[in-house]
Amino acid sequence: MPRLTPDKQATVLSALVEGSSIRSVERMTGVEKKTIGRLIRRTGKAAQRLLDDEIQHVRCSQLQLDEIWCFVGKKKAQLEPADDVARKGDFWTWVALDPESKLVPSHLVAKRGMADAHDFLRDLRTRVDGQCQLSTDRLLAYRSAIFGEWSEDAPDGTFIRPDWGTVVKRFKGEPTSWGRYSPPKIKSMDRRVESGSPDELAISTSLVERQNLTMRMGMRRFTRLTNGFSKSVEALRAAVAIHFAHYNLIRVHSSIKTTPALAAGVTDRRWTMGDLVEWAGCFLG
């Protein structure tokens, strides 16, 4: 940004990835709200390119996949006939997580249809070397996407299906008169082998579901029961790209004592927010 020093840009972005709202960052830093919005969109474009360049040739034994809900402009129930449903209403961020390194090799902000599942799995496949075990919930769109994007032709002419299992959690019912402000308690959990020969005990989506909390804590626009939400799809995608660039390359995770990108061996150094700002300046000019 021409009117902000690199240090000021890094300060603003650091506050945003820690879950501060644009309004609160404006009060803390004195940077105007519109300027912060332009910084998010600009840096988000560069952050996505950085993830595309750095997060490649991932080798892992397992991947957990899930989707997290948010909305743009207004919730689905509030949409009017004149609204463009491709740009407003409910959106989902598809996330893949390596449970060992905690790396998120791929994400996609889109709807929750069959085509979106294929786009997500196709991008994920280009980033992962070799096969690995996949764990998902039982969203129907996964079946077509996983079989279509992850199946392979063996040298002997046979068709190899990926090692894939699904998880269904059943929750205890709650009285309808109560307002729910905490997750319901799990009553039971079923694991099912969908294809290949996955390790049944390793079929799980627990860690990627925990990633949902990280996203809701780290991006104000994902926080439930507040007035924080995205006004445009571009702003949402930019914010998510910045979040995962910070998550993968900059943030040291307490469980692994380093960044996920270093733990997964896809990069040889820990980035800083200043590095991201500098890279964005070089990338965008």
C-alpha atoms as a PDB file:
ATOM      1  CA  MET A   1       0.000   0.000   0.000  1.00  0.00           C
ATOM      2  CA  PRO A   2       1.596   3.336  -1.067  1.00  0.00           C
ATOM      3  CA  ARG A   3       0.420   5.310   2.001  1.00  0.00           C
ATOM      4  CA  LEU A   4       1.317   2.666   4.596  1.00  0.00           C
ATOM      5  CA  THR A   5       4.836   1.685   5.551  1.00  0.00           C
ATOM      6  CA  PRO A   6       5.661  -2.045   5.435  1.00  0.00           C
ATOM      7  CA  ASP A   7       5.822  -2.089   9.233  1.00  0.00           C
ATOM      8  CA  LYS A   8       2.350  -0.550   9.498  1.00  0.00           C
ATOM      9  CA  GLN A   9       0.978  -3.048   6.981  1.00  0.00           C
ATOM     10  CA  ALA A  10       2.489  -5.910   8.994  1.00  0.00           C
ATOM     11  CA  THR A  11       0.959  -4.507  12.206  1.00  0.00           C
ATOM     12  CA  VAL A  12      -2.508  -4.277  10.635  1.00  0.00           C
ATOM     13  CA  LEU A  13      -2.343  -7.767   9.152  1.00  0.00           C
ATOM     14  CA  SER A  14      -1.007  -9.273  12.387  1.00  0.00           C
ATOM     15  CA  ALA A  15      -3.981  -7.864  14.281  1.00  0.00           C
ATOM     16  CA  LEU A  16      -6.415  -9.180  11.683  1.00  0.00           C
ATOM     17  CA  VAL A  17      -5.092 -12.765  11.769  1.00  0.00           C
ATOM     18  CA  GLU A  18      -5.432 -12.769  15.558  1.00  0.00           C
ATOM     19  CA  GLY A  19      -9.176 -12.256  15.220  1.00  0.00           C
ATOM     20  CA  SER A  20      -9.524  -8.485  15.532  1.00  0.00           C
ATOM     21  CA  SER A  21     -12.268  -6.814  13.512  1.00  0.00           C
ATOM     22  CA  ILE A  22     -11.533  -4.171  10.904  1.00  0.00           C
ATOM     23  CA  ARG A  23     -13.163  -1.536  13.134  1.00  0.00           C
ATOM     24  CA  SER A  24     -11.028  -2.492  16.134  1.00  0.00           C
ATOM     25  CA  VAL A  25      -7.855  -2.493  14.018  1.00  0.00           C
ATOM     26  CA  GLU A  26      -8.838   0.965  12.778  1.00  0.00           C
ATOM     27  CA  ARG A  27      -9.074   2.177  16.372  1.00  0.00           C
ATOM     28  CA  MET A  28      -5.816   0.499  17.421  1.00  0.00           C
ATOM     29  CA  THR A  29      -3.668   1.605  14.474  1.00  0.00           C
ATOM     30  CA  GLY A  30      -5.334   4.756  13.187  1.00  0.00           C
ATOM     31  CA  VAL A  31      -5.541   3.265   9.700  1.00  0.00           C
ATOM     32  CA  GLU A  32      -8.827   4.039   7.929  1.00  0.00           C
ATOM     33  CA  LYS A  33     -11.303   1.200   7.418  1.00  0.00           C
ATOM     34  CA  LYS A  34     -11.304   1.543   3.631  1.00  0.00           C
ATOM     35  CA  THR A  35      -7.505   1.404   3.583  1.00  0.00           C
ATOM     36  CA  ILE A  36      -7.571  -1.781   5.662  1.00  0.00           C
ATOM     37  CA  GLY A  37     -10.073  -3.278   3.222  1.00  0.00           C
ATOM     38  CA  ARG A  38      -7.817  -2.485   0.265  1.00  0.00           C
ATOM     39  CA  LEU A  39      -4.853  -3.958   2.135  1.00  0.00           C
ATOM     40  CA  ILE A  40      -6.786  -7.194   2.766  1.00  0.00           C
ATOM     41  CA  ARG A  41      -7.763  -7.589  -0.883  1.00  0.00           C
ATOM     42  CA  ARG A  42      -4.298  -6.733  -2.132  1.00  0.00           C
ATOM     43  CA  THR A  43      -2.402  -8.942   0.308  1.00  0.00           C
ATOM     44  CA  GLY A  44      -4.947 -11.742  -0.069  1.00  0.00           C
ATOM     45  CA  LYS A  45      -4.244 -11.988  -3.787  1.00  0.00           C
ATOM     46  CA  ALA A  46      -0.519 -12.226  -3.088  1.00  0.00           C
ATOM     47  CA  ALA A  47      -1.041 -14.669  -0.200  1.00  0.00           C
ATOM     48  CA  GLN A  48      -2.952 -17.054  -2.459  1.00  0.00           C
ATOM     49  CA  ARG A  49      -0.152 -16.920  -5.029  1.00  0.00           C
ATOM     50  CA  LEU A  50       2.373 -17.575  -2.255  1.00  0.00           C
ATOM     51  CA  LEU A  51       0.429 -20.638  -1.105  1.00  0.00           C
ATOM     52  CA  ASP A  52       0.231 -21.871  -4.699  1.00  0.00           C
ATOM     53  CA  ASP A  53       4.015 -21.529  -5.037  1.00  0.00           C
ATOM     54  CA  GLU A  54       5.113 -22.845  -1.632  1.00  0.00           C
ATOM     55  CA  ILE A  55       2.615 -25.566  -0.741  1.00  0.00           C
ATOM     56  CA  GLN A  56       3.571 -28.169  -3.333  1.00  0.00           C
ATOM     57  CA  HIS A  57       4.874 -31.758  -3.326  1.00  0.00           C
ATOM     58  CA  VAL A  58       3.290 -32.508   0.054  1.00  0.00           C
ATOM     59  CA  ARG A  59       3.976 -36.016   1.344  1.00  0.00           C
ATOM     60  CA  CYS A  60       1.656 -37.290   4.061  1.00  0.00           C
ATOM     61  CA  SER A  61       0.037 -40.517   5.170  1.00  0.00           C
ATOM     62  CA  GLN A  62      -3.378 -39.062   6.015  1.00  0.00           C
ATOM     63  CA  LEU A  63      -5.598 -36.113   5.171  1.00  0.00           C
ATOM     64  CA  GLN A  64      -8.747 -35.005   6.969  1.00  0.00           C
ATOM     65  CA  LEU A  65     -11.284 -32.983   4.946  1.00  0.00           C
ATOM     66  CA  ASP A  66     -14.142 -30.791   6.128  1.00  0.00           C
ATOM     67  CA  GLU A  67     -16.182 -27.680   5.271  1.00  0.00           C
ATOM     68  CA  ILE A  68     -16.912 -24.657   7.461  1.00  0.00           C
ATOM     69  CA  TRP A  69     -19.904 -22.365   6.946  1.00  0.00           C
ATOM     70  CA  CYS A  70     -20.084 -18.583   6.755  1.00  0.00           C
ATOM     71  CA  PHE A  71     -22.084 -16.103   4.699  1.00  0.00           C
ATOM     72  CA  VAL A  72     -21.531 -13.127   2.410  1.00  0.00           C
ATOM     73  CA  GLY A  73     -23.808 -10.099   2.596  1.00  0.00           C
ATOM     74  CA  LYS A  74     -26.749 -11.957   4.119  1.00  0.00           C
ATOM     75  CA  LYS A  75     -27.691 -15.477   5.147  1.00  0.00           C
ATOM     76  CA  LYS A  76     -29.454 -17.791   2.724  1.00  0.00           C
ATOM     77  CA  ALA A  77     -32.800 -17.365   4.469  1.00  0.00           C
ATOM     78  CA  GLN A  78     -32.647 -13.588   3.933  1.00  0.00           C
ATOM     79  CA  LEU A  79     -31.899 -13.681   0.201  1.00  0.00           C
ATOM     80  CA  GLU A  80     -34.325 -11.929  -2.128  1.00  0.00           C
ATOM     81  CA  PRO A  81     -35.190 -12.915  -5.718  1.00  0.00           C
ATOM     82  CA  ALA A  82     -33.032 -10.091  -7.101  1.00  0.00           C
ATOM     83  CA  ASP A  83     -29.926 -11.204  -5.175  1.00  0.00           C
ATOM     84  CA  ASP A  84     -27.110 -12.956  -7.037  1.00  0.00           C
ATOM     85  CA  VAL A  85     -26.818 -16.280  -5.214  1.00  0.00           C
ATOM     86  CA  ALA A  86     -23.337 -16.790  -6.704  1.00  0.00           C
ATOM     87  CA  ARG A  87     -22.101 -13.754  -4.770  1.00  0.00           C
ATOM     88  CA  LYS A  88     -24.320 -13.626  -1.691  1.00  0.00           C
ATOM     89  CA  GLY A  89     -25.717 -15.991   0.880  1.00  0.00           C
ATOM     90  CA  ASP A  90     -24.164 -19.092   2.411  1.00  0.00           C
ATOM     91  CA  PHE A  91     -20.568 -19.952   1.516  1.00  0.00           C
ATOM     92  CA  TRP A  92     -18.319 -22.801   2.632  1.00  0.00           C
ATOM     93  CA  THR A  93     -14.570 -22.995   3.072  1.00  0.00           C
ATOM     94  CA  TRP A  94     -13.362 -26.476   2.148  1.00  0.00           C
ATOM     95  CA  VAL A  95     -10.250 -27.437   4.145  1.00  0.00           C
ATOM     96  CA  ALA A  96      -7.776 -30.340   3.979  1.00  0.00           C
ATOM     97  CA  LEU A  97      -5.514 -30.954   6.990  1.00  0.00           C
ATOM     98  CA  ASP A  98      -2.509 -33.227   7.497  1.00  0.00           C
ATOM     99  CA  PRO A  99      -2.990 -34.413  11.107  1.00  0.00           C
ATOM    100  CA  GLU A 100       0.743 -35.020  11.615  1.00  0.00           C
ATOM    101  CA  SER A 101       2.303 -31.748  10.414  1.00  0.00           C
ATOM    102  CA  LYS A 102      -0.916 -29.705  10.863  1.00  0.00           C
ATOM    103  CA  LEU A 103      -0.371 -28.372   7.330  1.00  0.00           C
ATOM    104  CA  VAL A 104      -3.381 -27.211   5.329  1.00  0.00           C
ATOM    105  CA  PRO A 105      -2.259 -28.059   1.775  1.00  0.00           C
ATOM    106  CA  SER A 106      -5.436 -26.806   0.113  1.00  0.00           C
ATOM    107  CA  HIS A 107      -8.544 -24.753   0.796  1.00  0.00           C
ATOM    108  CA  LEU A 108     -11.396 -23.454  -1.335  1.00  0.00           C
ATOM    109  CA  VAL A 109     -14.009 -20.776  -0.657  1.00  0.00           C
ATOM    110  CA  ALA A 110     -17.105 -21.720  -2.653  1.00  0.00           C
ATOM    111  CA  LYS A 111     -20.572 -23.177  -2.374  1.00  0.00           C
ATOM    112  CA  ARG A 112     -21.184 -26.764  -1.264  1.00  0.00           C
ATOM    113  CA  GLY A 113     -22.150 -28.474  -4.508  1.00  0.00           C
ATOM    114  CA  MET A 114     -20.728 -31.290  -6.601  1.00  0.00           C
ATOM    115  CA  ALA A 115     -18.694 -28.989  -8.858  1.00  0.00           C
ATOM    116  CA  ASP A 116     -17.174 -27.257  -5.822  1.00  0.00           C
ATOM    117  CA  ALA A 117     -16.132 -30.612  -4.333  1.00  0.00           C
ATOM    118  CA  HIS A 118     -14.435 -31.547  -7.611  1.00  0.00           C
ATOM    119  CA  ASP A 119     -12.606 -28.197  -7.748  1.00  0.00           C
ATOM    120  CA  PHE A 120     -11.377 -28.671  -4.189  1.00  0.00           C
ATOM    121  CA  LEU A 121     -10.244 -32.285  -4.611  1.00  0.00           C
ATOM    122  CA  ARG A 122      -8.620 -31.505  -7.980  1.00  0.00           C
ATOM    123  CA  ASP A 123      -6.516 -28.707  -6.459  1.00  0.00           C
ATOM    124  CA  LEU A 124      -5.638 -30.880  -3.461  1.00  0.00           C
ATOM    125  CA  ARG A 125      -4.505 -33.703  -5.750  1.00  0.00           C
ATOM    126  CA  THR A 126      -2.059 -31.423  -7.574  1.00  0.00           C
ATOM    127  CA  ARG A 127      -0.370 -30.514  -4.281  1.00  0.00           C
ATOM    128  CA  VAL A 128       0.015 -33.992  -2.765  1.00  0.00           C
ATOM    129  CA  ASP A 129       2.607 -36.485  -3.994  1.00  0.00           C
ATOM    130  CA  GLY A 130       1.498 -40.112  -3.941  1.00  0.00           C
ATOM    131  CA  GLN A 131      -1.582 -41.565  -2.301  1.00  0.00           C
ATOM    132  CA  CYS A 132      -2.714 -41.112   1.294  1.00  0.00           C
ATOM    133  CA  GLN A 133      -5.685 -42.042   3.424  1.00  0.00           C
ATOM    134  CA  LEU A 134      -8.631 -39.627   3.215  1.00  0.00           C
ATOM    135  CA  SER A 135     -11.176 -39.034   5.989  1.00  0.00           C
ATOM    136  CA  THR A 136     -14.355 -37.007   5.450  1.00  0.00           C
ATOM    137  CA  ASP A 137     -17.906 -36.666   6.666  1.00  0.00           C
ATOM    138  CA  ARG A 138     -20.631 -38.245   4.541  1.00  0.00           C
ATOM    139  CA  LEU A 139     -21.399 -35.263   2.352  1.00  0.00           C
ATOM    140  CA  LEU A 140     -22.596 -36.853  -0.880  1.00  0.00           C
ATOM    141  CA  ALA A 141     -20.457 -34.577  -3.080  1.00  0.00           C
ATOM    142  CA  TYR A 142     -17.269 -36.192  -1.739  1.00  0.00           C
ATOM    143  CA  ARG A 143     -18.016 -39.551  -3.347  1.00  0.00           C
ATOM    144  CA  SER A 144     -18.001 -38.272  -6.922  1.00  0.00           C
ATOM    145  CA  ALA A 145     -15.077 -35.902  -6.306  1.00  0.00           C
ATOM    146  CA  ILE A 146     -12.806 -38.373  -4.523  1.00  0.00           C
ATOM    147  CA  PHE A 147     -13.437 -41.174  -7.001  1.00  0.00           C
ATOM    148  CA  GLY A 148     -13.095 -38.782  -9.918  1.00  0.00           C
ATOM    149  CA  GLU A 149      -9.987 -36.874  -8.821  1.00  0.00           C
ATOM    150  CA  TRP A 150      -8.073 -39.414  -6.665  1.00  0.00           C
ATOM    151  CA  SER A 151      -8.575 -42.732  -8.450  1.00  0.00           C
ATOM    152  CA  GLU A 152      -5.671 -44.026 -10.566  1.00  0.00           C
ATOM    153  CA  ASP A 153      -5.036 -46.525 -13.341  1.00  0.00           C
ATOM    154  CA  ALA A 154      -2.556 -49.190 -12.197  1.00  0.00           C
ATOM    155  CA  PRO A 155       0.185 -50.472 -14.550  1.00  0.00           C
ATOM    156  CA  ASP A 156      -1.643 -53.812 -14.835  1.00  0.00           C
ATOM    157  CA  GLY A 157      -4.752 -52.050 -16.127  1.00  0.00           C
ATOM    158  CA  THR A 158      -6.769 -52.245 -12.905  1.00  0.00           C
ATOM    159  CA  PHE A 159      -8.507 -49.251 -11.400  1.00  0.00           C
ATOM    160  CA  ILE A 160      -7.173 -48.183  -7.989  1.00  0.00           C
ATOM    161  CA  ARG A 161      -9.617 -46.488  -5.634  1.00  0.00           C
ATOM    162  CA  PRO A 162      -8.147 -44.272  -2.884  1.00  0.00           C
ATOM    163  CA  ASP A 163      -8.071 -45.325   0.762  1.00  0.00           C
ATOM    164  CA  TRP A 164     -11.065 -43.397   2.047  1.00  0.00           C
ATOM    165  CA  GLY A 165     -13.239 -43.578   5.140  1.00  0.00           C
ATOM    166  CA  THR A 166     -16.096 -41.497   6.484  1.00  0.00           C
ATOM    167  CA  VAL A 167     -17.225 -40.462   9.946  1.00  0.00           C
ATOM    168  CA  VAL A 168     -20.738 -39.779  11.191  1.00  0.00           C
ATOM    169  CA  LYS A 169     -21.219 -38.287  14.638  1.00  0.00           C
ATOM    170  CA  ARG A 170     -24.559 -38.530  16.395  1.00  0.00           C
ATOM    171  CA  PHE A 171     -25.356 -35.887  18.972  1.00  0.00           C
ATOM    172  CA  LYS A 172     -27.625 -35.897  21.981  1.00  0.00           C
ATOM    173  CA  GLY A 173     -30.888 -34.060  21.467  1.00  0.00           C
ATOM    174  CA  GLU A 174     -31.601 -30.850  23.334  1.00  0.00           C
ATOM    175  CA  PRO A 175     -34.928 -29.313  24.380  1.00  0.00           C
ATOM    176  CA  THR A 176     -36.157 -27.010  21.632  1.00  0.00           C
ATOM    177  CA  SER A 177     -36.873 -24.233  24.138  1.00  0.00           C
ATOM    178  CA  TRP A 178     -33.197 -23.848  25.009  1.00  0.00           C
ATOM    179  CA  GLY A 179     -30.869 -21.528  23.146  1.00  0.00           C
ATOM    180  CA  ARG A 180     -27.705 -23.382  22.128  1.00  0.00           C
ATOM    181  CA  TYR A 181     -24.445 -21.557  22.804  1.00  0.00           C
ATOM    182  CA  SER A 182     -22.119 -24.556  23.054  1.00  0.00           C
ATOM    183  CA  PRO A 183     -21.643 -27.660  20.885  1.00  0.00           C
ATOM    184  CA  PRO A 184     -23.984 -30.576  21.634  1.00  0.00           C
ATOM    185  CA  LYS A 185     -22.545 -33.656  23.269  1.00  0.00           C
ATOM    186  CA  ILE A 186     -21.591 -36.569  21.031  1.00  0.00           C
ATOM    187  CA  LYS A 187     -23.703 -39.670  21.616  1.00  0.00           C
ATOM    188  CA  SER A 188     -21.923 -42.012  19.189  1.00  0.00           C
ATOM    189  CA  MET A 189     -19.530 -41.989  16.239  1.00  0.00           C
ATOM    190  CA  ASP A 190     -19.569 -44.413  13.310  1.00  0.00           C
ATOM    191  CA  ARG A 191     -16.633 -45.069  10.993  1.00  0.00           C
ATOM    192  CA  ARG A 192     -17.201 -46.532   7.546  1.00  0.00           C
ATOM    193  CA  VAL A 193     -14.728 -47.724   4.910  1.00  0.00           C
ATOM    194  CA  GLU A 194     -15.826 -46.228   1.590  1.00  0.00           C
ATOM    195  CA  SER A 195     -13.041 -47.502  -0.669  1.00  0.00           C
ATOM    196  CA  GLY A 196      -9.561 -49.003  -0.632  1.00  0.00           C
ATOM    197  CA  SER A 197      -8.030 -50.327   2.567  1.00  0.00           C
ATOM    198  CA  PRO A 198      -7.845 -47.482   5.070  1.00  0.00           C
ATOM    199  CA  ASP A 199      -6.798 -47.961   8.683  1.00  0.00           C
ATOM    200  CA  GLU A 200     -10.218 -47.909  10.340  1.00  0.00           C
ATOM    201  CA  LEU A 201      -8.865 -46.636  13.659  1.00  0.00           C
ATOM    202  CA  ALA A 202      -7.317 -43.666  11.838  1.00  0.00           C
ATOM    203  CA  ILE A 203     -10.562 -42.630  10.124  1.00  0.00           C
ATOM    204  CA  SER A 204     -11.265 -39.316  11.813  1.00  0.00           C
ATOM    205  CA  THR A 205     -12.211 -35.691  11.165  1.00  0.00           C
ATOM    206  CA  SER A 206     -11.579 -34.483  14.710  1.00  0.00           C
ATOM    207  CA  LEU A 207      -8.475 -32.411  13.957  1.00  0.00           C
ATOM    208  CA  VAL A 208      -9.845 -30.722  10.857  1.00  0.00           C
ATOM    209  CA  GLU A 209     -13.003 -29.917  12.830  1.00  0.00           C
ATOM    210  CA  ARG A 210     -10.750 -28.383  15.474  1.00  0.00           C
ATOM    211  CA  GLN A 211      -9.312 -26.304  12.626  1.00  0.00           C
ATOM    212  CA  ASN A 212     -12.802 -24.810  12.267  1.00  0.00           C
ATOM    213  CA  LEU A 213     -12.381 -23.270  15.715  1.00  0.00           C
ATOM    214  CA  THR A 214      -8.989 -21.869  14.718  1.00  0.00           C
ATOM    215  CA  MET A 215     -10.615 -20.200  11.716  1.00  0.00           C
ATOM    216  CA  ARG A 216     -13.487 -18.769  13.742  1.00  0.00           C
ATOM    217  CA  MET A 217     -11.046 -17.421  16.344  1.00  0.00           C
ATOM    218  CA  GLY A 218      -8.608 -16.076  13.749  1.00  0.00           C
ATOM    219  CA  MET A 219     -11.038 -14.387  11.349  1.00  0.00           C
ATOM    220  CA  ARG A 220     -13.639 -12.047  12.749  1.00  0.00           C
ATOM    221  CA  ARG A 221     -15.910 -12.589   9.743  1.00  0.00           C
ATOM    222  CA  PHE A 222     -16.326 -16.259  10.758  1.00  0.00           C
ATOM    223  CA  THR A 223     -17.386 -15.565  14.352  1.00  0.00           C
ATOM    224  CA  ARG A 224     -20.943 -16.669  15.013  1.00  0.00           C
ATOM    225  CA  LEU A 225     -23.635 -14.555  16.707  1.00  0.00           C
ATOM    226  CA  THR A 226     -21.910 -11.256  15.879  1.00  0.00           C
ATOM    227  CA  ASN A 227     -22.286  -8.572  13.214  1.00  0.00           C
ATOM    228  CA  GLY A 228     -18.936  -9.506  11.655  1.00  0.00           C
ATOM    229  CA  PHE A 229     -19.362 -10.903   8.153  1.00  0.00           C
ATOM    230  CA  SER A 230     -17.963 -10.503   4.641  1.00  0.00           C
ATOM    231  CA  LYS A 231     -19.546  -7.957   2.352  1.00  0.00           C
ATOM    232  CA  SER A 232     -18.101  -9.498  -0.836  1.00  0.00           C
ATOM    233  CA  VAL A 233     -16.808 -12.855  -2.018  1.00  0.00           C
ATOM    234  CA  GLU A 234     -13.492 -11.237  -2.980  1.00  0.00           C
ATOM    235  CA  ALA A 235     -12.965  -9.940   0.560  1.00  0.00           C
ATOM    236  CA  LEU A 236     -13.816 -13.346   2.033  1.00  0.00           C
ATOM    237  CA  ARG A 237     -11.389 -15.188  -0.246  1.00  0.00           C
ATOM    238  CA  ALA A 238      -8.652 -12.645   0.425  1.00  0.00           C
ATOM    239  CA  ALA A 239      -9.074 -12.925   4.206  1.00  0.00           C
ATOM    240  CA  VAL A 240      -9.022 -16.733   4.077  1.00  0.00           C
ATOM    241  CA  ALA A 241      -5.869 -16.719   1.910  1.00  0.00           C
ATOM    242  CA  ILE A 242      -4.105 -14.425   4.401  1.00  0.00           C
ATOM    243  CA  HIS A 243      -5.244 -16.650   7.274  1.00  0.00           C
ATOM    244  CA  PHE A 244      -3.798 -19.810   5.728  1.00  0.00           C
ATOM    245  CA  ALA A 245      -0.585 -18.119   4.606  1.00  0.00           C
ATOM    246  CA  HIS A 246      -0.108 -17.061   8.231  1.00  0.00           C
ATOM    247  CA  TYR A 247      -1.235 -20.466   9.552  1.00  0.00           C
ATOM    248  CA  ASN A 248       1.033 -22.541   7.280  1.00  0.00           C
ATOM    249  CA  LEU A 249       4.130 -20.368   6.935  1.00  0.00           C
ATOM    250  CA  ILE A 250       4.312 -17.894   9.832  1.00  0.00           C
ATOM    251  CA  ARG A 251       2.594 -19.164  12.960  1.00  0.00           C
ATOM    252  CA  VAL A 252       4.525 -21.543  15.236  1.00  0.00           C
ATOM    253  CA  HIS A 253       2.140 -24.224  16.528  1.00  0.00           C
ATOM    254  CA  SER A 254       2.575 -25.329  20.117  1.00  0.00           C
ATOM    255  CA  SER A 255       2.020 -29.032  19.354  1.00  0.00           C
ATOM    256  CA  ILE A 256       4.793 -29.273  16.733  1.00  0.00           C
ATOM    257  CA  LYS A 257       7.053 -26.392  17.937  1.00  0.00           C
ATOM    258  CA  THR A 258       7.414 -24.998  14.409  1.00  0.00           C
ATOM    259  CA  THR A 259       5.319 -23.948  11.429  1.00  0.00           C
ATOM    260  CA  PRO A 260       3.283 -26.586   9.555  1.00  0.00           C
ATOM    261  CA  ALA A 261       5.139 -25.851   6.308  1.00  0.00           C
ATOM    262  CA  LEU A 262       8.483 -26.559   7.987  1.00  0.00           C
ATOM    263  CA  ALA A 263       7.109 -29.664   9.703  1.00  0.00           C
ATOM    264  CA  ALA A 264       5.837 -30.975   6.366  1.00  0.00           C
ATOM    265  CA  GLY A 265       9.139 -30.193   4.640  1.00  0.00           C
ATOM    266  CA  VAL A 266       7.620 -28.016   1.906  1.00  0.00           C
ATOM    267  CA  THR A 267       9.665 -24.937   2.841  1.00  0.00           C
ATOM    268  CA  ASP A 268      13.072 -24.401   4.395  1.00  0.00           C
ATOM    269  CA  ARG A 269      12.414 -21.322   6.515  1.00  0.00           C
ATOM    270  CA  ARG A 270       9.883 -19.685   8.780  1.00  0.00           C
ATOM    271  CA  TRP A 271       8.252 -16.672   7.205  1.00  0.00           C
ATOM    272  CA  THR A 272       7.288 -13.499   9.074  1.00  0.00           C
ATOM    273  CA  MET A 273       4.431 -11.105   8.434  1.00  0.00           C
ATOM    274  CA  GLY A 274       7.037  -8.632   7.213  1.00  0.00           C
ATOM    275  CA  ASP A 275       8.186 -11.214   4.664  1.00  0.00           C
ATOM    276  CA  LEU A 276       4.595 -11.606   3.460  1.00  0.00           C
ATOM    277  CA  VAL A 277       4.206  -7.836   3.080  1.00  0.00           C
ATOM    278  CA  GLU A 278       7.512  -7.617   1.192  1.00  0.00           C
ATOM    279  CA  TRP A 279       6.561 -10.563  -1.034  1.00  0.00           C
ATOM    280  CA  ALA A 280       3.190  -8.947  -1.777  1.00  0.00           C
ATOM    281  CA  GLY A 281       4.924  -5.731  -2.749  1.00  0.00           C
ATOM    282  CA  CYS A 282       7.248  -7.561  -5.136  1.00  0.00           C
ATOM    283  CA  PHE A 283       4.457  -9.721  -6.563  1.00  0.00           C
ATOM    284  CA  LEU A 284       1.972  -6.903  -7.146  1.00  0.00           C
ATOM    285  CA  GLY A 285       4.432  -4.091  -7.795  1.00  0.00           C
END
